Amino acid sequence: MEVTRQRNTWFIIGLWTLLASVFGILFWKVFGYGQRLLRQPLLKRSAIPANLETFPTVEARALQIAAANLRAGIERRCLLDGQEKLVLCAGLRNFREPWARDLGFASFGLIELGEWQAVKESFEVFLLNQRPSGQFPVKVHSTSVADRYLHSLFGREQPNHAPIKPKYVTAHNTISLDGNAILVIGMLNYAHRTGDAAFMHDNWNALKKAISWLETHGLEADGLLHQAAFADWADSIARRGRVLYTNVLYWKALHDMAHAAATFGQTADQHYFAQRAEYLKQSIDDHFWRPDLGYYVTNKIFDNLSSSGNLLAIVWEMASPAQAHAILDKMNEFGMAAPVPTRTTHRPYPRRFIAIENHLGGIPHYHTSAAWLWLGAWHIIALARMDRLDEAAALLQRMSTVIVRDGAVHEVYAPNGNYLSSFWYTSEAPLTWSAGMVVYAHYVYQRRLAGEPVAHF
């Protein structure tokens, strides 16, 4: 009995010693992390250009703010192989890292500002991390979700000293098809606008691989891409299968590959991409266009008007003039550009299709009745392309007023017209994706006023 009692005593002492050691190590890890976090500089408000008041109109002032917001996202980051590249981060508080889709859209504005080197090197980061299959990363990053949330919670800048590395799946463990497509579109736009034939020559095969990877997700004879739930830009919504937005981007990538093949001497590929683009355009019309509704539906399950796919179809001339006017008329009828241009959908998705974390975070309307300025920018461009310039001017003025009011281009706006904010989540500011598109819309609108056409690129 005495031996047994001694053994139990030593066991309890050993267990307590082990637990004390584990908790001690955890305590010092947490303490050390907290010290490092609190040593990070405090987040600063978005810098407003000093000479803002010298610009006579609200539109001109908003352009200066958007341009400053966009340039604020450019920074030099270290890669895993020791190289350093200029990259465009999606934001400064929540998203201080390059994302594929954010970069693809924001690059349109960066090019207008002449930030060609930042565009080129940002694209090169994704090209360096492209998988042999052709898949680009969803993003390249150096911090975890918990890191980003805690730094945001305590109002601290995210650290940016660690090398950035690729991530190929989303937070929902899905793959992103739209990221691959918009990167192809953005790179082709860069090459076209800058005349950088060397970039196109060096990366043509990488772009072809990116398209080939997308093609593996076209499972039916119609060639339309199929995606998983929570997989595209509206990643809080379980919209799966054939989705309008993703397929319009895919069509645009094919269309631009055909154009670039002719422009940059890749004539052997021109016929293939042109033929694929024409076939896909017909499939999109057959599957998504609803003449009785006057717009392209989102997918087989949702017959709502989602602004992203419909507006891109207008701007990139996939939609016919009659279809384009019908869509814009419906968006007016549904009030999708009020009070902030432009809402994601004309009718919210059913509650059961919205991600649980959005319900818990108090932002179930994040991708439904909320408004995003990058969509507002495409809305302005679509109106300009269809020569509805008075309407375009009204939206531009409304968008500019919001930007000047807040002193920044915010990520997302609530139905009341203010930027979205809950106990758990506050809209990113600035969001370079939207800032870049605001810049682009300003320039396109001014060129249209001067009588220039809205270009395909």
Protein backbone atom coordinates (compact mmCIF):
# COMPACT_ATOMS: atom_id res chain seq x y z
CA MET A 1 0.00 0.00 0.00
CA GLU A 2 2.79 2.39 0.95
CA VAL A 3 4.55 1.76 -2.39
CA THR A 4 1.30 2.39 -4.28
CA ARG A 5 0.69 5.62 -2.35
CA GLN A 6 4.20 6.84 -3.15
CA ARG A 7 3.73 6.03 -6.82
CA ASN A 8 0.45 7.96 -6.93
CA THR A 9 2.09 10.89 -5.18
CA TRP A 10 4.94 10.98 -7.66
CA PHE A 11 2.46 10.64 -10.54
CA ILE A 12 0.43 13.61 -9.30
CA ILE A 13 3.59 15.68 -8.75
CA GLY A 14 4.82 14.79 -12.24
CA LEU A 15 1.45 15.63 -13.80
CA TRP A 16 1.28 18.99 -12.04
CA THR A 17 4.86 19.73 -13.07
CA LEU A 18 4.04 18.89 -16.69
CA LEU A 19 0.88 21.01 -16.67
CA ALA A 20 2.73 23.90 -15.03
CA SER A 21 5.44 23.68 -17.68
CA VAL A 22 2.91 23.61 -20.53
CA PHE A 23 0.91 26.51 -19.14
CA GLY A 24 4.13 28.39 -18.43
CA ILE A 25 5.29 27.96 -22.01
CA LEU A 26 1.86 29.00 -23.32
CA PHE A 27 1.80 32.02 -21.01
CA TRP A 28 5.19 33.25 -22.19
CA LYS A 29 4.25 32.62 -25.83
CA VAL A 30 1.05 34.62 -25.43
CA PHE A 31 2.86 37.29 -23.44
CA GLY A 32 5.62 37.53 -26.04
CA TYR A 33 3.07 37.70 -28.87
CA GLY A 34 1.18 40.44 -27.05
CA GLN A 35 4.37 42.44 -26.58
CA ARG A 36 5.23 42.13 -30.27
CA LEU A 37 1.68 43.10 -31.26
CA LEU A 38 1.62 46.18 -29.04
CA ARG A 39 5.03 47.27 -30.32
CA GLN A 40 3.57 47.52 -33.81
CA PRO A 41 2.80 51.12 -34.84
CA LEU A 42 -0.74 52.34 -34.41
CA LEU A 43 -2.89 52.27 -37.51
CA LYS A 44 -3.09 55.66 -39.15
CA ARG A 45 -6.11 57.14 -40.82
CA SER A 46 -5.97 57.24 -44.59
CA ALA A 47 -3.93 60.24 -45.63
CA ILE A 48 -6.01 62.90 -47.38
CA PRO A 49 -4.13 64.89 -50.04
CA ALA A 50 -3.00 68.22 -48.57
CA ASN A 51 -4.19 70.28 -51.53
CA LEU A 52 -7.65 68.73 -51.70
CA GLU A 53 -9.53 72.00 -51.32
CA THR A 54 -7.87 73.42 -54.42
CA PHE A 55 -9.89 71.05 -56.60
CA PRO A 56 -13.14 72.73 -57.61
CA THR A 57 -15.55 69.77 -57.79
CA VAL A 58 -16.46 66.90 -55.51
CA GLU A 59 -15.61 64.51 -58.34
CA ALA A 60 -12.08 65.92 -58.65
CA ARG A 61 -11.56 65.73 -54.89
CA ALA A 62 -12.81 62.14 -54.77
CA LEU A 63 -10.39 61.20 -57.55
CA GLN A 64 -7.47 62.60 -55.53
CA ILE A 65 -8.54 60.62 -52.45
CA ALA A 66 -9.01 57.41 -54.44
CA ALA A 67 -5.62 57.81 -56.13
CA ALA A 68 -3.92 58.38 -52.76
CA ASN A 69 -5.72 55.36 -51.28
CA LEU A 70 -4.63 53.20 -54.19
CA ARG A 71 -0.98 54.24 -54.03
CA ALA A 72 -0.98 53.70 -50.24
CA GLY A 73 -1.40 49.98 -50.89
CA ILE A 74 1.88 49.71 -52.84
CA GLU A 75 4.79 48.40 -50.82
CA ARG A 76 7.95 46.35 -51.27
CA ARG A 77 7.72 42.81 -49.91
CA CYS A 78 10.17 39.92 -49.64
CA LEU A 79 9.43 36.58 -51.37
CA LEU A 80 10.38 33.11 -50.15
CA ASP A 81 13.36 32.96 -52.56
CA GLY A 82 14.80 36.22 -51.22
CA GLN A 83 13.63 38.44 -54.08
CA GLU A 84 11.91 41.72 -53.32
CA LYS A 85 9.00 42.95 -55.39
CA LEU A 86 6.62 45.87 -55.37
CA VAL A 87 3.16 44.53 -54.58
CA LEU A 88 -0.31 46.00 -54.23
CA CYS A 89 -1.92 45.04 -50.93
CA ALA A 90 -5.68 44.72 -50.84
CA GLY A 91 -5.89 46.96 -47.79
CA LEU A 92 -3.95 48.19 -44.77
CA ARG A 93 -5.91 47.03 -41.71
CA ASN A 94 -7.60 43.72 -42.56
CA PHE A 95 -5.94 42.75 -45.85
CA ARG A 96 -2.31 43.89 -45.92
CA GLU A 97 -1.44 41.31 -48.58
CA PRO A 98 -1.85 40.88 -52.35
CA TRP A 99 -5.03 39.08 -53.47
CA ALA A 100 -5.51 37.83 -57.02
CA ARG A 101 -8.93 39.30 -57.75
CA ASP A 102 -8.23 42.57 -55.91
CA LEU A 103 -5.03 43.09 -57.88
CA GLY A 104 -6.67 42.15 -61.18
CA PHE A 105 -9.36 44.81 -60.85
CA ALA A 106 -7.24 47.45 -59.10
CA SER A 107 -4.60 47.22 -61.84
CA PHE A 108 -6.95 49.09 -64.20
CA GLY A 109 -6.69 52.15 -61.95
CA LEU A 110 -2.97 51.78 -61.32
CA ILE A 111 -2.32 51.84 -65.06
CA GLU A 112 -4.31 55.08 -65.39
CA LEU A 113 -2.02 56.59 -62.73
CA GLY A 114 1.12 55.43 -64.54
CA GLU A 115 2.11 52.99 -61.77
CA TRP A 116 3.28 50.49 -64.36
CA GLN A 117 6.18 49.05 -62.38
CA ALA A 118 3.98 48.22 -59.40
CA VAL A 119 1.48 46.53 -61.72
CA LYS A 120 4.15 44.51 -63.49
CA GLU A 121 5.95 43.35 -60.35
CA SER A 122 2.68 42.51 -58.58
CA PHE A 123 1.69 40.31 -61.50
CA GLU A 124 5.16 38.74 -61.49
CA VAL A 125 4.62 37.63 -57.88
CA PHE A 126 1.59 35.61 -58.95
CA LEU A 127 3.38 34.29 -62.04
CA LEU A 128 6.30 33.10 -59.88
CA ASN A 129 3.84 31.23 -57.66
CA GLN A 130 1.72 29.72 -60.45
CA ARG A 131 1.36 25.97 -60.10
CA PRO A 132 2.39 23.67 -62.97
CA SER A 133 -1.33 23.03 -63.52
CA GLY A 134 -1.82 26.73 -64.32
CA GLN A 135 -3.55 27.71 -61.08
CA PHE A 136 -2.60 31.08 -59.60
CA PRO A 137 -2.70 31.58 -55.82
CA VAL A 138 -5.80 33.09 -54.26
CA LYS A 139 -3.38 35.39 -52.47
CA VAL A 140 0.20 35.64 -51.21
CA HIS A 141 0.51 36.36 -47.51
CA SER A 142 2.65 36.20 -44.38
CA THR A 143 0.09 36.46 -41.57
CA SER A 144 -2.70 34.21 -40.32
CA VAL A 145 -6.38 35.10 -39.98
CA ALA A 146 -5.93 35.36 -36.18
CA ASP A 147 -2.92 37.66 -36.64
CA ARG A 148 -4.86 39.97 -38.92
CA TYR A 149 -7.91 40.06 -36.65
CA LEU A 150 -5.92 40.76 -33.47
CA HIS A 151 -3.86 43.51 -35.06
CA SER A 152 -7.06 45.09 -36.36
CA LEU A 153 -8.78 44.70 -32.97
CA PHE A 154 -5.96 46.52 -31.18
CA GLY A 155 -5.60 49.14 -33.91
CA ARG A 156 -2.08 48.08 -34.93
CA GLU A 157 -0.39 47.83 -38.28
CA GLN A 158 0.05 44.31 -39.59
CA PRO A 159 3.71 43.23 -39.67
CA ASN A 160 5.14 42.97 -43.18
CA HIS A 161 8.71 41.81 -42.62
CA ALA A 162 8.16 38.06 -43.13
CA PRO A 163 8.36 36.65 -46.69
CA ILE A 164 5.01 36.30 -48.43
CA LYS A 165 3.98 32.81 -49.54
CA PRO A 166 1.17 31.53 -51.76
CA LYS A 167 -2.22 30.25 -50.63
CA TYR A 168 -4.23 28.28 -53.18
CA VAL A 169 -7.53 27.71 -51.36
CA THR A 170 -10.07 30.10 -49.87
CA ALA A 171 -11.14 30.41 -46.25
CA HIS A 172 -13.92 27.96 -47.11
CA ASN A 173 -11.37 25.46 -48.45
CA THR A 174 -12.48 25.99 -52.05
CA ILE A 175 -10.57 27.10 -55.12
CA SER A 176 -11.13 30.44 -56.82
CA LEU A 177 -11.82 30.40 -60.55
CA ASP A 178 -12.45 34.13 -60.86
CA GLY A 179 -9.00 34.97 -59.51
CA ASN A 180 -7.33 33.05 -62.32
CA ALA A 181 -9.51 34.73 -64.95
CA ILE A 182 -9.12 38.31 -63.72
CA LEU A 183 -5.34 37.95 -63.46
CA VAL A 184 -5.22 36.90 -67.12
CA ILE A 185 -7.42 39.86 -68.05
CA GLY A 186 -5.34 42.27 -65.97
CA MET A 187 -2.03 41.07 -67.40
CA LEU A 188 -3.31 41.38 -70.95
CA ASN A 189 -4.61 44.86 -70.20
CA TYR A 190 -1.20 45.82 -68.78
CA ALA A 191 0.61 44.54 -71.88
CA HIS A 192 -1.83 46.28 -74.23
CA ARG A 193 -1.81 49.65 -72.43
CA THR A 194 1.96 49.77 -71.91
CA GLY A 195 3.09 48.02 -75.09
CA ASP A 196 5.26 45.69 -73.00
CA ALA A 197 5.75 43.01 -75.66
CA ALA A 198 8.60 41.42 -73.67
CA PHE A 199 6.28 40.76 -70.72
CA MET A 200 3.79 39.12 -73.05
CA HIS A 201 6.47 37.05 -74.81
CA ASP A 202 7.95 35.87 -71.49
CA ASN A 203 4.60 34.94 -69.95
CA TRP A 204 2.44 33.82 -72.88
CA ASN A 205 2.73 30.14 -71.97
CA ALA A 206 1.88 30.91 -68.34
CA LEU A 207 -1.32 32.65 -69.49
CA LYS A 208 -2.19 29.70 -71.71
CA LYS A 209 -1.70 27.37 -68.74
CA ALA A 210 -3.97 29.61 -66.64
CA ILE A 211 -6.71 29.24 -69.28
CA SER A 212 -6.13 25.48 -69.55
CA TRP A 213 -6.60 25.17 -65.79
CA LEU A 214 -9.89 27.05 -66.05
CA GLU A 215 -11.00 24.78 -68.89
CA THR A 216 -10.76 21.75 -66.61
CA HIS A 217 -13.66 23.23 -64.64
CA GLY A 218 -15.95 23.34 -67.66
CA LEU A 219 -17.64 20.00 -67.10
CA GLU A 220 -20.44 20.12 -69.66
CA ALA A 221 -20.65 20.38 -73.44
CA ASP A 222 -21.65 24.06 -73.11
CA GLY A 223 -18.13 24.90 -71.86
CA LEU A 224 -19.41 26.91 -68.88
CA LEU A 225 -17.32 26.85 -65.72
CA HIS A 226 -18.67 25.08 -62.64
CA GLN A 227 -17.63 26.32 -59.21
CA ALA A 228 -18.03 25.26 -55.61
CA ALA A 229 -20.02 27.22 -53.02
CA PHE A 230 -18.34 30.27 -51.40
CA ALA A 231 -15.75 30.30 -54.19
CA ASP A 232 -16.02 33.59 -56.11
CA TRP A 233 -15.84 37.26 -55.09
CA ALA A 234 -19.19 36.95 -53.25
CA ASP A 235 -17.62 34.34 -51.01
CA SER A 236 -20.17 34.58 -48.21
CA ILE A 237 -22.84 33.16 -50.55
CA ALA A 238 -23.23 29.46 -51.35
CA ARG A 239 -23.76 29.95 -55.06
CA ARG A 240 -22.41 26.93 -56.88
CA GLY A 241 -22.41 25.38 -60.33
CA ARG A 242 -22.58 27.69 -63.35
CA VAL A 243 -22.39 31.29 -62.06
CA LEU A 244 -22.79 34.31 -64.36
CA TYR A 245 -19.98 36.49 -62.94
CA THR A 246 -17.34 33.76 -63.15
CA ASN A 247 -18.29 32.82 -66.69
CA VAL A 248 -18.29 36.42 -67.93
CA LEU A 249 -14.74 36.75 -66.61
CA TYR A 250 -13.82 33.48 -68.33
CA TRP A 251 -15.28 34.72 -71.61
CA LYS A 252 -13.37 37.99 -71.31
CA ALA A 253 -10.11 36.13 -70.65
CA LEU A 254 -10.64 34.01 -73.79
CA HIS A 255 -11.64 37.06 -75.84
CA ASP A 256 -8.57 39.02 -74.76
CA MET A 257 -6.26 36.07 -75.34
CA ALA A 258 -7.47 35.97 -78.94
CA HIS A 259 -6.89 39.72 -79.31
CA ALA A 260 -3.44 39.52 -77.71
CA ALA A 261 -2.45 36.54 -79.87
CA ALA A 262 -2.96 38.71 -82.95
CA THR A 263 -1.35 41.82 -81.44
CA PHE A 264 1.74 40.16 -79.99
CA GLY A 265 2.50 37.71 -82.77
CA GLN A 266 1.03 34.53 -81.28
CA THR A 267 -1.07 33.90 -84.37
CA ALA A 268 -1.09 30.12 -83.95
CA ASP A 269 -3.28 30.57 -80.85
CA GLN A 270 -5.58 33.28 -82.19
CA HIS A 271 -8.14 31.03 -83.88
CA TYR A 272 -8.42 28.69 -80.91
CA PHE A 273 -9.14 31.42 -78.37
CA ALA A 274 -11.47 33.34 -80.68
CA GLN A 275 -13.48 30.20 -81.38
CA ARG A 276 -13.67 29.31 -77.67
CA ALA A 277 -14.78 32.84 -76.77
CA GLU A 278 -17.55 32.84 -79.39
CA TYR A 279 -18.83 29.45 -78.28
CA LEU A 280 -18.81 30.48 -74.62
CA LYS A 281 -20.64 33.73 -75.37
CA GLN A 282 -23.47 31.76 -76.95
CA SER A 283 -23.57 29.38 -73.98
CA ILE A 284 -23.79 32.30 -71.55
CA ASP A 285 -26.68 33.77 -73.52
CA ASP A 286 -28.46 30.43 -73.68
CA HIS A 287 -28.02 29.62 -70.02
CA PHE A 288 -28.29 32.99 -68.24
CA TRP A 289 -30.22 35.50 -70.38
CA ARG A 290 -33.89 35.86 -69.43
CA PRO A 291 -35.75 38.06 -71.94
CA ASP A 292 -38.83 37.98 -69.71
CA LEU A 293 -36.82 39.50 -66.86
CA GLY A 294 -34.57 41.75 -68.94
CA TYR A 295 -31.26 40.65 -67.44
CA TYR A 296 -28.84 37.76 -66.98
CA VAL A 297 -29.77 35.65 -63.94
CA THR A 298 -27.11 34.72 -61.40
CA ASN A 299 -27.36 30.96 -61.84
CA LYS A 300 -29.85 28.09 -62.01
CA ILE A 301 -30.95 28.54 -58.38
CA PHE A 302 -30.95 32.34 -58.12
CA ASP A 303 -32.88 34.37 -60.69
CA ASN A 304 -31.88 37.69 -59.12
CA LEU A 305 -30.02 40.44 -60.96
CA SER A 306 -26.45 40.35 -59.65
CA SER A 307 -24.70 43.52 -60.72
CA SER A 308 -21.17 42.12 -61.16
CA GLY A 309 -21.85 39.75 -64.05
CA ASN A 310 -24.42 41.97 -65.72
CA LEU A 311 -22.31 45.14 -65.63
CA LEU A 312 -19.18 43.39 -66.86
CA ALA A 313 -21.17 41.90 -69.74
CA ILE A 314 -22.18 45.43 -70.77
CA VAL A 315 -18.78 47.08 -70.36
CA TRP A 316 -16.92 44.36 -72.24
CA GLU A 317 -19.54 44.28 -75.04
CA MET A 318 -20.57 40.70 -74.45
CA ALA A 319 -24.16 41.89 -74.09
CA SER A 320 -25.90 43.31 -77.17
CA PRO A 321 -26.98 46.98 -77.08
CA ALA A 322 -30.60 45.90 -76.52
CA GLN A 323 -29.58 43.63 -73.65
CA ALA A 324 -27.36 46.35 -72.17
CA HIS A 325 -30.14 48.94 -72.11
CA ALA A 326 -32.58 46.40 -70.66
CA ILE A 327 -30.18 45.59 -67.82
CA LEU A 328 -29.49 49.23 -67.02
CA ASP A 329 -33.21 50.02 -67.09
CA LYS A 330 -33.87 47.20 -64.64
CA MET A 331 -31.11 48.39 -62.33
CA ASN A 332 -32.73 51.84 -62.35
CA GLU A 333 -36.12 50.32 -61.66
CA PHE A 334 -34.71 48.35 -58.72
CA GLY A 335 -32.83 51.38 -57.33
CA MET A 336 -29.56 49.46 -57.20
CA ALA A 337 -27.38 52.58 -57.24
CA ALA A 338 -29.08 54.28 -54.28
CA PRO A 339 -28.01 55.59 -51.87
CA VAL A 340 -24.49 54.39 -52.72
CA PRO A 341 -23.60 52.88 -56.10
CA THR A 342 -23.93 49.95 -56.47
CA ARG A 343 -25.74 47.17 -54.60
CA THR A 344 -24.64 43.58 -55.20
CA THR A 345 -28.09 42.22 -56.08
CA HIS A 346 -31.56 43.60 -56.60
CA ARG A 347 -32.97 41.00 -54.19
CA PRO A 348 -31.08 39.37 -51.29
CA TYR A 349 -30.13 35.72 -51.41
CA PRO A 350 -32.20 33.47 -49.13
CA ARG A 351 -30.87 33.37 -45.59
CA ARG A 352 -29.90 29.69 -45.71
CA PHE A 353 -27.36 30.34 -48.47
CA ILE A 354 -25.41 32.94 -46.47
CA ALA A 355 -22.30 31.78 -44.57
CA ILE A 356 -22.83 31.23 -40.86
CA GLU A 357 -19.88 33.46 -39.92
CA ASN A 358 -21.59 36.41 -41.60
CA HIS A 359 -24.71 35.85 -39.53
CA LEU A 360 -22.62 35.58 -36.34
CA GLY A 361 -20.62 38.68 -37.29
CA GLY A 362 -23.75 40.78 -37.82
CA ILE A 363 -23.12 41.30 -41.55
CA PRO A 364 -25.44 38.85 -43.36
CA HIS A 365 -26.07 41.54 -46.02
CA TYR A 366 -22.34 41.84 -46.88
CA HIS A 367 -22.86 40.38 -50.39
CA THR A 368 -26.59 41.07 -50.76
CA SER A 369 -28.09 44.48 -49.98
CA ALA A 370 -24.74 46.16 -49.25
CA ALA A 371 -23.10 48.40 -51.87
CA TRP A 372 -19.56 48.27 -53.24
CA LEU A 373 -17.83 51.13 -55.06
CA TRP A 374 -16.02 48.81 -57.47
CA LEU A 375 -19.46 47.79 -58.71
CA GLY A 376 -20.49 51.44 -58.80
CA ALA A 377 -17.43 52.14 -60.96
CA TRP A 378 -18.40 49.46 -63.49
CA HIS A 379 -21.97 50.83 -63.38
CA ILE A 380 -20.67 54.29 -64.37
CA ILE A 381 -18.56 52.79 -67.16
CA ALA A 382 -21.50 50.72 -68.44
CA LEU A 383 -23.70 53.82 -68.59
CA ALA A 384 -20.95 55.76 -70.35
CA ARG A 385 -20.48 53.02 -72.92
CA MET A 386 -24.18 53.12 -73.73
CA ASP A 387 -24.05 56.95 -74.01
CA ARG A 388 -26.26 57.41 -70.95
CA LEU A 389 -23.91 60.13 -69.80
CA ASP A 390 -26.33 62.06 -67.59
CA GLU A 391 -26.99 58.93 -65.57
CA ALA A 392 -23.26 58.18 -65.41
CA ALA A 393 -22.61 61.72 -64.15
CA ALA A 394 -25.26 61.34 -61.43
CA LEU A 395 -23.69 58.10 -60.17
CA LEU A 396 -20.20 59.58 -60.29
CA GLN A 397 -21.36 62.57 -58.25
CA ARG A 398 -23.10 60.29 -55.71
CA MET A 399 -20.03 58.06 -55.39
CA SER A 400 -17.69 61.05 -55.07
CA THR A 401 -19.79 62.62 -52.33
CA VAL A 402 -19.49 59.46 -50.23
CA ILE A 403 -15.71 59.27 -50.72
CA VAL A 404 -15.16 62.92 -49.80
CA ARG A 405 -17.51 62.60 -46.82
CA ASP A 406 -15.52 59.67 -45.39
CA GLY A 407 -12.09 60.79 -46.59
CA ALA A 408 -11.44 57.29 -47.94
CA VAL A 409 -12.67 54.61 -50.31
CA HIS A 410 -14.31 52.07 -48.03
CA GLU A 411 -14.72 48.39 -48.71
CA VAL A 412 -18.51 48.13 -48.38
CA TYR A 413 -21.51 50.31 -47.52
CA ALA A 414 -24.65 49.45 -45.58
CA PRO A 415 -28.14 50.11 -47.00
CA ASN A 416 -28.29 53.36 -44.99
CA GLY A 417 -25.41 54.79 -47.05
CA ASN A 418 -22.75 54.64 -44.33
CA TYR A 419 -19.79 52.30 -44.47
CA LEU A 420 -20.53 48.91 -42.98
CA SER A 421 -19.60 48.47 -39.33
CA SER A 422 -20.67 45.99 -36.67
CA PHE A 423 -19.30 44.95 -33.26
CA TRP A 424 -17.16 42.30 -34.93
CA TYR A 425 -16.31 43.84 -38.28
CA THR A 426 -15.56 47.26 -39.73
CA SER A 427 -15.25 47.93 -43.44
CA GLU A 428 -11.67 48.03 -44.70
CA ALA A 429 -10.46 51.52 -45.57
CA PRO A 430 -8.95 51.98 -47.96
CA LEU A 431 -9.80 48.99 -50.14
CA THR A 432 -7.45 49.23 -53.10
CA TRP A 433 -9.72 47.11 -55.33
CA SER A 434 -12.46 49.73 -55.11
CA ALA A 435 -10.03 52.66 -55.11
CA GLY A 436 -8.48 51.38 -58.33
CA MET A 437 -11.86 50.97 -59.97
CA VAL A 438 -12.99 54.45 -58.86
CA VAL A 439 -9.87 55.90 -60.50
CA TYR A 440 -10.50 53.89 -63.66
CA ALA A 441 -14.16 54.97 -63.86
CA HIS A 442 -13.16 58.65 -63.57
CA TYR A 443 -10.72 58.37 -66.46
CA VAL A 444 -13.03 56.32 -68.68
CA TYR A 445 -15.91 58.74 -68.08
CA GLN A 446 -13.75 61.75 -68.97
CA ARG A 447 -12.53 60.07 -72.15
CA ARG A 448 -16.12 59.27 -73.10
CA LEU A 449 -17.11 62.92 -72.56
CA ALA A 450 -14.30 63.82 -74.96
CA GLY A 451 -15.86 61.58 -77.59
CA GLU A 452 -13.56 58.58 -77.21
CA PRO A 453 -15.12 55.11 -77.19
CA VAL A 454 -15.05 52.91 -74.10
CA ALA A 455 -12.23 50.56 -75.08
CA HIS A 456 -12.34 46.79 -74.70
CA PHE A 457 -9.26 47.06 -72.49
